[in-house]
Structure formats: structure tokens, C-alpha cells
Amino acid sequence: MTYWLFKSEPDEYSLQDLAAESSGCGRWDGIRNYQARNFLRDKVKEGDGVLFYHSACKVPAVVGTAEVVRSAYPDPAQFDPESKYFDPKASEDKPRWYCVDIRWRSEFQRPVPLAEIKGIPQLAEMVLVKQGRLSIQPVSDDEWQLLQHLGSSTPR
């Protein structure tokens, strides 16, 4: 299994929004960064684990987990002129942007804030620490395990 961290602004789409979706499944769409798109299109696969990260909020933090239930497919929003994610350069035969479907798995007992993550030596090489703005990023098995533990434990 491969692990990922997906970032979302909780005012836009939160872990709780995902949990409230039918069957706890939702489309992860609107990605408009080429590096993140390439991860979605080429690397993220059905069955992969996802750390759900709330960004651009008072306390950015990893708040829970999800699972990829459908691998990459063209993001329908790129073809919709009414969508804020419309891309006039995209076409049905040459899509530019991709999305995946994910299912809610768990909410952490406590969020693991970015400030705490940055202070943990074992997480110093995490993409979140080194390249924080990337909305889709790989997570190592050790990082996944440690963040799962931290999310279920008493704050440090």
C-alpha cells in the first residue's frame, strides 16, 4: 500500500464533509497544480491510504484518514464553463486535470498540528515539512504509522 497526504481547506471541504457524503465517499477534485496532478494521475491508486490535512485555517493539522476507492479519471469540472475549475485548454480527448474518489476511514482523536509535526525529528524529511504548499504528497510508511499514533494519543 502507498500512503498520501491530501490537503484541503476545511471551509471548502473538510473531513467531516467527506464523512457526511453518501457512503462516506467523495470526489477529490479541483487539483490545478501539475506536480499534484501528476501524483494523482500516475501514482495514486485504489486502496492507497490518505492522511486528511486541514490547511489554510487557524491550526493546520492532520485530522484523520481516508482510502482511495477509485483511481484517477478526468476531472469533470475542467469541462464545465460554469465551474471555478473550468479549463478552456482541456478537452474530452485531451484532459489536463484528474481526480480520484476517496472514502472516509477515521477521524483522529486529536488533530496533529503542523507546528507539532515540524518539531518531530522523525518527520523532518516529510514532504509536508519540506514542500508545504503541495496539495497531494507522498507519505512514507514510517510517517504514516507515526502520525496514526500521534492522532490517537495525548498531545505532546
N, C-alpha and C. Protein backbone atom coordinates (compact mmCIF):
# COMPACT_ATOMS: atom_id res chain seq x y z
N MET A 1 0.84 -1.18 0.00
CA MET A 1 0.00 0.00 0.00
C MET A 1 0.88 1.24 0.00
N THR A 2 0.42 2.25 -0.70
CA THR A 2 1.10 3.53 -0.74
C THR A 2 0.26 4.52 0.08
N TYR A 3 0.95 5.49 0.67
CA TYR A 3 0.27 6.48 1.50
C TYR A 3 0.47 7.88 0.94
N TRP A 4 -0.54 8.71 1.19
CA TRP A 4 -0.57 10.09 0.68
C TRP A 4 -1.09 11.03 1.76
N LEU A 5 -0.77 12.30 1.59
CA LEU A 5 -1.40 13.36 2.37
C LEU A 5 -2.14 14.24 1.39
N PHE A 6 -3.43 14.43 1.61
CA PHE A 6 -4.26 15.30 0.78
C PHE A 6 -4.63 16.51 1.64
N LYS A 7 -4.40 17.69 1.08
CA LYS A 7 -4.70 18.93 1.81
C LYS A 7 -5.98 19.57 1.30
N SER A 8 -6.77 20.06 2.23
CA SER A 8 -8.00 20.76 1.88
C SER A 8 -8.29 21.83 2.92
N GLU A 9 -8.78 22.95 2.46
CA GLU A 9 -9.22 23.98 3.38
C GLU A 9 -10.55 23.52 3.99
N PRO A 10 -10.66 23.45 5.31
CA PRO A 10 -11.88 22.91 5.90
C PRO A 10 -13.14 23.72 5.56
N ASP A 11 -13.00 25.00 5.24
CA ASP A 11 -14.16 25.79 4.82
C ASP A 11 -14.63 25.38 3.43
N GLU A 12 -13.71 24.80 2.65
CA GLU A 12 -14.02 24.35 1.28
C GLU A 12 -14.53 22.91 1.29
N TYR A 13 -13.78 22.01 1.93
CA TYR A 13 -14.14 20.59 2.01
C TYR A 13 -13.37 19.97 3.17
N SER A 14 -14.07 19.59 4.21
CA SER A 14 -13.43 19.09 5.43
C SER A 14 -13.57 17.57 5.52
N LEU A 15 -12.86 17.00 6.48
CA LEU A 15 -13.01 15.57 6.77
C LEU A 15 -14.46 15.25 7.13
N GLN A 16 -15.09 16.15 7.86
CA GLN A 16 -16.49 15.96 8.24
C GLN A 16 -17.41 16.01 7.02
N ASP A 17 -17.07 16.84 6.04
CA ASP A 17 -17.84 16.88 4.79
C ASP A 17 -17.74 15.53 4.07
N LEU A 18 -16.53 14.97 4.04
CA LEU A 18 -16.35 13.66 3.41
C LEU A 18 -17.18 12.61 4.14
N ALA A 19 -17.12 12.60 5.46
CA ALA A 19 -17.87 11.61 6.25
C ALA A 19 -19.38 11.73 6.01
N ALA A 20 -19.86 12.94 5.74
CA ALA A 20 -21.29 13.17 5.53
C ALA A 20 -21.76 12.79 4.13
N GLU A 21 -20.83 12.58 3.21
CA GLU A 21 -21.20 12.20 1.84
C GLU A 21 -21.86 10.82 1.84
N SER A 22 -22.61 10.53 0.80
CA SER A 22 -23.22 9.22 0.65
C SER A 22 -22.15 8.13 0.73
N SER A 23 -22.34 7.18 1.60
CA SER A 23 -21.38 6.08 1.84
C SER A 23 -20.01 6.58 2.29
N GLY A 24 -19.92 7.84 2.72
CA GLY A 24 -18.64 8.37 3.16
C GLY A 24 -17.64 8.53 2.03
N CYS A 25 -18.13 8.54 0.78
CA CYS A 25 -17.25 8.65 -0.39
C CYS A 25 -17.44 10.00 -1.07
N GLY A 26 -16.33 10.53 -1.57
CA GLY A 26 -16.40 11.80 -2.29
C GLY A 26 -15.32 11.89 -3.34
N ARG A 27 -15.53 12.81 -4.26
CA ARG A 27 -14.56 13.06 -5.33
C ARG A 27 -13.54 14.07 -4.85
N TRP A 28 -12.26 13.75 -5.03
CA TRP A 28 -11.17 14.69 -4.71
C TRP A 28 -10.81 15.36 -6.02
N ASP A 29 -11.36 16.55 -6.21
CA ASP A 29 -11.20 17.23 -7.49
C ASP A 29 -10.67 18.64 -7.30
N GLY A 30 -10.55 19.37 -8.39
CA GLY A 30 -10.12 20.76 -8.32
C GLY A 30 -8.62 20.95 -8.20
N ILE A 31 -7.84 19.89 -8.37
CA ILE A 31 -6.39 19.99 -8.30
C ILE A 31 -5.90 20.69 -9.57
N ARG A 32 -5.18 21.81 -9.37
CA ARG A 32 -4.70 22.58 -10.51
C ARG A 32 -3.21 22.93 -10.38
N ASN A 33 -2.48 22.01 -9.80
CA ASN A 33 -1.03 22.11 -9.70
C ASN A 33 -0.50 20.89 -10.45
N TYR A 34 0.46 21.09 -11.35
CA TYR A 34 0.93 19.99 -12.19
C TYR A 34 1.60 18.87 -11.41
N GLN A 35 2.38 19.19 -10.40
CA GLN A 35 3.04 18.14 -9.63
C GLN A 35 1.99 17.30 -8.88
N ALA A 36 1.03 17.96 -8.26
CA ALA A 36 -0.04 17.25 -7.57
C ALA A 36 -0.87 16.44 -8.57
N ARG A 37 -1.16 17.02 -9.72
CA ARG A 37 -1.91 16.32 -10.77
C ARG A 37 -1.17 15.06 -11.20
N ASN A 38 0.15 15.16 -11.37
CA ASN A 38 0.92 14.00 -11.80
C ASN A 38 0.88 12.89 -10.75
N PHE A 39 0.94 13.26 -9.47
CA PHE A 39 0.80 12.24 -8.43
C PHE A 39 -0.57 11.56 -8.56
N LEU A 40 -1.63 12.36 -8.68
CA LEU A 40 -2.98 11.79 -8.80
C LEU A 40 -3.10 10.89 -10.02
N ARG A 41 -2.65 11.39 -11.15
CA ARG A 41 -2.81 10.68 -12.42
C ARG A 41 -1.97 9.41 -12.49
N ASP A 42 -0.72 9.51 -12.01
CA ASP A 42 0.25 8.45 -12.28
C ASP A 42 0.56 7.53 -11.09
N LYS A 43 0.30 7.98 -9.88
CA LYS A 43 0.78 7.22 -8.71
C LYS A 43 -0.32 6.81 -7.73
N VAL A 44 -1.30 7.66 -7.50
CA VAL A 44 -2.35 7.36 -6.52
C VAL A 44 -3.24 6.25 -7.10
N LYS A 45 -3.41 5.19 -6.31
CA LYS A 45 -4.16 4.03 -6.78
C LYS A 45 -5.23 3.61 -5.78
N GLU A 46 -6.22 2.89 -6.29
CA GLU A 46 -7.27 2.33 -5.44
C GLU A 46 -6.63 1.52 -4.31
N GLY A 47 -7.12 1.74 -3.09
CA GLY A 47 -6.61 1.03 -1.93
C GLY A 47 -5.55 1.80 -1.16
N ASP A 48 -5.00 2.86 -1.75
CA ASP A 48 -3.98 3.66 -1.05
C ASP A 48 -4.60 4.38 0.15
N GLY A 49 -3.77 4.59 1.17
CA GLY A 49 -4.20 5.32 2.36
C GLY A 49 -3.96 6.81 2.20
N VAL A 50 -4.83 7.60 2.82
CA VAL A 50 -4.76 9.06 2.73
C VAL A 50 -4.82 9.67 4.13
N LEU A 51 -3.85 10.52 4.43
CA LEU A 51 -3.94 11.38 5.61
C LEU A 51 -4.68 12.63 5.16
N PHE A 52 -5.74 12.98 5.86
CA PHE A 52 -6.55 14.14 5.51
C PHE A 52 -6.03 15.31 6.33
N TYR A 53 -5.61 16.37 5.64
CA TYR A 53 -4.96 17.52 6.27
C TYR A 53 -5.80 18.76 6.04
N HIS A 54 -6.16 19.44 7.12
CA HIS A 54 -6.86 20.73 7.02
C HIS A 54 -5.82 21.84 6.92
N SER A 55 -5.88 22.62 5.84
CA SER A 55 -4.92 23.70 5.61
C SER A 55 -5.63 25.05 5.60
N ALA A 56 -4.83 26.11 5.55
CA ALA A 56 -5.35 27.47 5.46
C ALA A 56 -6.45 27.72 6.50
N CYS A 57 -6.16 27.32 7.73
CA CYS A 57 -7.09 27.53 8.83
C CYS A 57 -6.28 27.93 10.06
N LYS A 58 -6.95 28.20 11.15
CA LYS A 58 -6.27 28.68 12.35
C LYS A 58 -5.16 27.74 12.81
N VAL A 59 -5.45 26.44 12.82
CA VAL A 59 -4.44 25.45 13.22
C VAL A 59 -4.39 24.35 12.15
N PRO A 60 -3.52 24.52 11.14
CA PRO A 60 -3.38 23.47 10.13
C PRO A 60 -2.95 22.17 10.79
N ALA A 61 -3.60 21.06 10.39
CA ALA A 61 -3.33 19.80 11.08
C ALA A 61 -3.79 18.60 10.26
N VAL A 62 -3.17 17.45 10.53
CA VAL A 62 -3.68 16.17 10.04
C VAL A 62 -4.82 15.79 10.97
N VAL A 63 -6.00 15.53 10.40
CA VAL A 63 -7.19 15.34 11.23
C VAL A 63 -7.81 13.95 11.13
N GLY A 64 -7.36 13.14 10.16
CA GLY A 64 -7.94 11.81 10.03
C GLY A 64 -7.43 11.10 8.80
N THR A 65 -8.13 10.03 8.43
CA THR A 65 -7.69 9.21 7.30
C THR A 65 -8.84 8.92 6.34
N ALA A 66 -8.44 8.58 5.14
CA ALA A 66 -9.37 8.15 4.09
C ALA A 66 -8.66 7.08 3.27
N GLU A 67 -9.39 6.50 2.34
CA GLU A 67 -8.84 5.48 1.45
C GLU A 67 -9.25 5.81 0.03
N VAL A 68 -8.36 5.63 -0.91
CA VAL A 68 -8.69 5.83 -2.33
C VAL A 68 -9.55 4.66 -2.78
N VAL A 69 -10.73 4.96 -3.33
CA VAL A 69 -11.63 3.90 -3.78
C VAL A 69 -11.81 3.89 -5.30
N ARG A 70 -11.28 4.91 -5.97
CA ARG A 70 -11.28 4.94 -7.43
C ARG A 70 -10.04 5.69 -7.88
N SER A 71 -9.25 5.04 -8.71
CA SER A 71 -8.03 5.67 -9.23
C SER A 71 -8.39 6.82 -10.17
N ALA A 72 -7.37 7.49 -10.65
CA ALA A 72 -7.52 8.73 -11.42
C ALA A 72 -8.42 8.59 -12.64
N TYR A 73 -9.24 9.63 -12.82
CA TYR A 73 -10.06 9.79 -14.01
C TYR A 73 -10.17 11.29 -14.28
N PRO A 74 -10.49 11.68 -15.52
CA PRO A 74 -10.54 13.12 -15.83
C PRO A 74 -11.51 13.86 -14.91
N ASP A 75 -11.05 14.98 -14.37
CA ASP A 75 -11.87 15.83 -13.50
C ASP A 75 -12.96 16.47 -14.36
N PRO A 76 -14.23 16.14 -14.12
CA PRO A 76 -15.30 16.69 -14.96
C PRO A 76 -15.41 18.22 -14.88
N ALA A 77 -14.95 18.81 -13.79
CA ALA A 77 -15.07 20.26 -13.62
C ALA A 77 -14.28 21.03 -14.68
N GLN A 78 -13.23 20.44 -15.21
CA GLN A 78 -12.41 21.14 -16.21
C GLN A 78 -13.19 21.41 -17.50
N PHE A 79 -14.25 20.65 -17.74
CA PHE A 79 -15.05 20.79 -18.97
C PHE A 79 -16.29 21.66 -18.78
N ASP A 80 -16.57 22.07 -17.56
CA ASP A 80 -17.79 22.80 -17.23
C ASP A 80 -17.52 24.30 -17.15
N PRO A 81 -18.00 25.07 -18.14
CA PRO A 81 -17.74 26.52 -18.14
C PRO A 81 -18.29 27.24 -16.91
N GLU A 82 -19.23 26.64 -16.20
CA GLU A 82 -19.80 27.24 -15.00
C GLU A 82 -18.97 26.95 -13.74
N SER A 83 -18.01 26.05 -13.85
CA SER A 83 -17.21 25.66 -12.69
C SER A 83 -16.03 26.60 -12.50
N LYS A 84 -15.67 26.83 -11.23
CA LYS A 84 -14.48 27.63 -10.97
C LYS A 84 -13.22 26.87 -11.38
N TYR A 85 -13.33 25.59 -11.65
CA TYR A 85 -12.20 24.77 -12.08
C TYR A 85 -12.18 24.53 -13.59
N PHE A 86 -13.02 25.25 -14.33
CA PHE A 86 -13.06 25.14 -15.79
C PHE A 86 -11.69 25.48 -16.38
N ASP A 87 -11.29 24.70 -17.38
CA ASP A 87 -10.03 24.94 -18.09
C ASP A 87 -10.32 24.93 -19.58
N PRO A 88 -10.30 26.08 -20.23
CA PRO A 88 -10.63 26.14 -21.66
C PRO A 88 -9.63 25.38 -22.54
N LYS A 89 -8.45 25.07 -22.01
CA LYS A 89 -7.46 24.32 -22.79
C LYS A 89 -7.66 22.82 -22.70
N ALA A 90 -8.53 22.37 -21.81
CA ALA A 90 -8.80 20.94 -21.65
C ALA A 90 -9.89 20.51 -22.63
N SER A 91 -9.80 19.28 -23.08
CA SER A 91 -10.84 18.71 -23.94
C SER A 91 -11.08 17.27 -23.52
N GLU A 92 -12.23 16.73 -23.92
CA GLU A 92 -12.58 15.35 -23.54
C GLU A 92 -11.52 14.36 -24.03
N ASP A 93 -10.97 14.60 -25.22
CA ASP A 93 -9.96 13.68 -25.75
C ASP A 93 -8.55 13.98 -25.23
N LYS A 94 -8.34 15.17 -24.65
CA LYS A 94 -7.06 15.52 -24.05
C LYS A 94 -7.29 16.25 -22.72
N PRO A 95 -7.73 15.49 -21.71
CA PRO A 95 -7.94 16.13 -20.41
C PRO A 95 -6.61 16.57 -19.81
N ARG A 96 -6.65 17.64 -19.04
CA ARG A 96 -5.43 18.15 -18.38
C ARG A 96 -5.42 17.83 -16.89
N TRP A 97 -6.60 17.66 -16.30
CA TRP A 97 -6.71 17.54 -14.85
C TRP A 97 -7.44 16.27 -14.46
N TYR A 98 -7.04 15.71 -13.32
CA TYR A 98 -7.58 14.43 -12.87
C TYR A 98 -8.07 14.53 -11.43
N CYS A 99 -8.89 13.57 -11.07
CA CYS A 99 -9.40 13.48 -9.71
C CYS A 99 -9.44 12.00 -9.32
N VAL A 100 -9.66 11.74 -8.06
CA VAL A 100 -9.85 10.39 -7.54
C VAL A 100 -11.04 10.42 -6.60
N ASP A 101 -11.56 9.26 -6.27
CA ASP A 101 -12.61 9.16 -5.27
C ASP A 101 -11.99 8.58 -4.01
N ILE A 102 -12.39 9.14 -2.87
CA ILE A 102 -11.89 8.65 -1.58
C ILE A 102 -13.06 8.36 -0.64
N ARG A 103 -12.79 7.50 0.34
CA ARG A 103 -13.79 7.15 1.35
C ARG A 103 -13.23 7.48 2.73
N TRP A 104 -14.06 8.08 3.55
CA TRP A 104 -13.72 8.38 4.94
C TRP A 104 -13.37 7.09 5.65
N ARG A 105 -12.31 7.12 6.45
CA ARG A 105 -11.91 5.96 7.24
C ARG A 105 -11.92 6.26 8.74
N SER A 106 -11.34 7.40 9.14
CA SER A 106 -11.30 7.69 10.57
C SER A 106 -11.07 9.17 10.82
N GLU A 107 -11.52 9.61 11.97
CA GLU A 107 -11.18 10.94 12.46
C GLU A 107 -10.25 10.73 13.65
N PHE A 108 -9.14 11.43 13.67
CA PHE A 108 -8.20 11.28 14.77
C PHE A 108 -8.85 11.72 16.09
N GLN A 109 -8.44 11.11 17.17
CA GLN A 109 -8.91 11.52 18.50
C GLN A 109 -8.49 12.95 18.78
N ARG A 110 -7.35 13.32 18.20
CA ARG A 110 -6.89 14.71 18.30
C ARG A 110 -6.18 15.06 17.00
N PRO A 111 -6.37 16.28 16.49
CA PRO A 111 -5.62 16.71 15.31
C PRO A 111 -4.12 16.75 15.63
N VAL A 112 -3.31 16.50 14.62
CA VAL A 112 -1.86 16.60 14.78
C VAL A 112 -1.43 17.87 14.03
N PRO A 113 -1.18 18.95 14.77
CA PRO A 113 -0.90 20.25 14.13
C PRO A 113 0.45 20.27 13.41
N LEU A 114 0.50 21.11 12.38
CA LEU A 114 1.74 21.29 11.62
C LEU A 114 2.88 21.71 12.52
N ALA A 115 2.63 22.59 13.47
CA ALA A 115 3.69 23.04 14.38
C ALA A 115 4.30 21.87 15.15
N GLU A 116 3.47 20.93 15.55
CA GLU A 116 3.98 19.74 16.25
C GLU A 116 4.77 18.86 15.29
N ILE A 117 4.23 18.65 14.10
CA ILE A 117 4.91 17.82 13.09
C ILE A 117 6.31 18.35 12.82
N LYS A 118 6.42 19.67 12.68
CA LYS A 118 7.73 20.28 12.40
C LYS A 118 8.73 20.08 13.53
N GLY A 119 8.26 19.82 14.73
CA GLY A 119 9.14 19.64 15.88
C GLY A 119 9.55 18.19 16.14
N ILE A 120 9.11 17.27 15.29
CA ILE A 120 9.41 15.85 15.49
C ILE A 120 10.52 15.43 14.53
N PRO A 121 11.68 15.08 15.05
CA PRO A 121 12.82 14.74 14.19
C PRO A 121 12.51 13.65 13.15
N GLN A 122 11.70 12.66 13.53
CA GLN A 122 11.37 11.57 12.60
C GLN A 122 10.54 12.04 11.41
N LEU A 123 9.97 13.24 11.50
CA LEU A 123 9.14 13.77 10.42
C LEU A 123 9.83 14.92 9.66
N ALA A 124 11.10 15.15 9.96
CA ALA A 124 11.84 16.28 9.36
C ALA A 124 11.94 16.18 7.84
N GLU A 125 11.91 14.97 7.30
CA GLU A 125 12.03 14.79 5.85
C GLU A 125 10.67 14.69 5.15
N MET A 126 9.62 14.82 5.90
CA MET A 126 8.28 14.72 5.33
C MET A 126 8.07 15.83 4.30
N VAL A 127 7.42 15.50 3.19
CA VAL A 127 7.15 16.49 2.14
C VAL A 127 6.39 17.68 2.72
N LEU A 128 5.48 17.42 3.64
CA LEU A 128 4.71 18.49 4.28
C LEU A 128 5.62 19.53 4.92
N VAL A 129 6.73 19.10 5.48
CA VAL A 129 7.67 19.98 6.14
C VAL A 129 8.57 20.67 5.11
N LYS A 130 8.97 19.94 4.08
CA LYS A 130 9.92 20.46 3.10
C LYS A 130 9.26 21.26 1.97
N GLN A 131 8.07 20.85 1.56
CA GLN A 131 7.38 21.47 0.43
C GLN A 131 5.90 21.64 0.79
N GLY A 132 5.66 22.46 1.77
CA GLY A 132 4.35 22.56 2.41
C GLY A 132 3.17 22.92 1.54
N ARG A 133 3.37 23.60 0.44
CA ARG A 133 2.25 24.09 -0.36
C ARG A 133 1.64 23.01 -1.26
N LEU A 134 2.31 21.91 -1.47
CA LEU A 134 1.83 20.87 -2.38
C LEU A 134 0.59 20.18 -1.80
N SER A 135 -0.49 20.13 -2.56
CA SER A 135 -1.77 19.65 -2.03
C SER A 135 -1.92 18.12 -2.04
N ILE A 136 -1.16 17.43 -2.84
CA ILE A 136 -1.13 15.96 -2.86
C ILE A 136 0.33 15.59 -2.71
N GLN A 137 0.66 14.80 -1.70
CA GLN A 137 2.06 14.48 -1.47
C GLN A 137 2.22 13.09 -0.90
N PRO A 138 3.32 12.43 -1.27
CA PRO A 138 3.56 11.08 -0.74
C PRO A 138 3.93 11.12 0.74
N VAL A 139 3.61 10.03 1.42
CA VAL A 139 3.91 9.86 2.84
C VAL A 139 4.56 8.48 2.97
N SER A 140 5.65 8.40 3.70
CA SER A 140 6.31 7.11 3.90
C SER A 140 5.52 6.26 4.89
N ASP A 141 5.80 4.97 4.89
CA ASP A 141 5.15 4.07 5.83
C ASP A 141 5.43 4.50 7.27
N ASP A 142 6.68 4.86 7.57
CA ASP A 142 7.03 5.29 8.93
C ASP A 142 6.29 6.57 9.32
N GLU A 143 6.19 7.53 8.39
CA GLU A 143 5.46 8.78 8.66
C GLU A 143 3.98 8.47 8.92
N TRP A 144 3.40 7.59 8.10
CA TRP A 144 2.00 7.19 8.25
C TRP A 144 1.77 6.60 9.64
N GLN A 145 2.62 5.65 10.03
CA GLN A 145 2.47 4.98 11.31
C GLN A 145 2.60 5.96 12.48
N LEU A 146 3.59 6.84 12.40
CA LEU A 146 3.81 7.80 13.48
C LEU A 146 2.63 8.78 13.59
N LEU A 147 2.13 9.27 12.47
CA LEU A 147 1.01 10.21 12.52
C LEU A 147 -0.26 9.52 13.00
N GLN A 148 -0.45 8.26 12.64
CA GLN A 148 -1.60 7.50 13.17
C GLN A 148 -1.49 7.42 14.71
N HIS A 149 -0.31 7.14 15.18
CA HIS A 149 -0.08 7.04 16.63
C HIS A 149 -0.33 8.39 17.31
N LEU A 150 0.23 9.44 16.75
CA LEU A 150 0.06 10.76 17.34
C LEU A 150 -1.41 11.19 17.37
N GLY A 151 -2.14 10.84 16.33
CA GLY A 151 -3.56 11.21 16.25
C GLY A 151 -4.42 10.48 17.26
N SER A 152 -3.88 9.41 17.82
CA SER A 152 -4.67 8.64 18.79
C SER A 152 -4.12 8.76 20.20
N SER A 153 -3.17 9.68 20.39
CA SER A 153 -2.55 9.79 21.70
C SER A 153 -2.77 11.17 22.32
N THR A 154 -2.34 11.31 23.53
CA THR A 154 -2.41 12.58 24.25
C THR A 154 -1.42 13.56 23.62
N PRO A 155 -1.76 14.85 23.53
CA PRO A 155 -0.82 15.83 22.96
C PRO A 155 0.52 15.81 23.65
N ARG A 156 1.57 16.09 22.89
CA ARG A 156 2.94 16.10 23.42
C ARG A 156 3.13 17.31 24.29
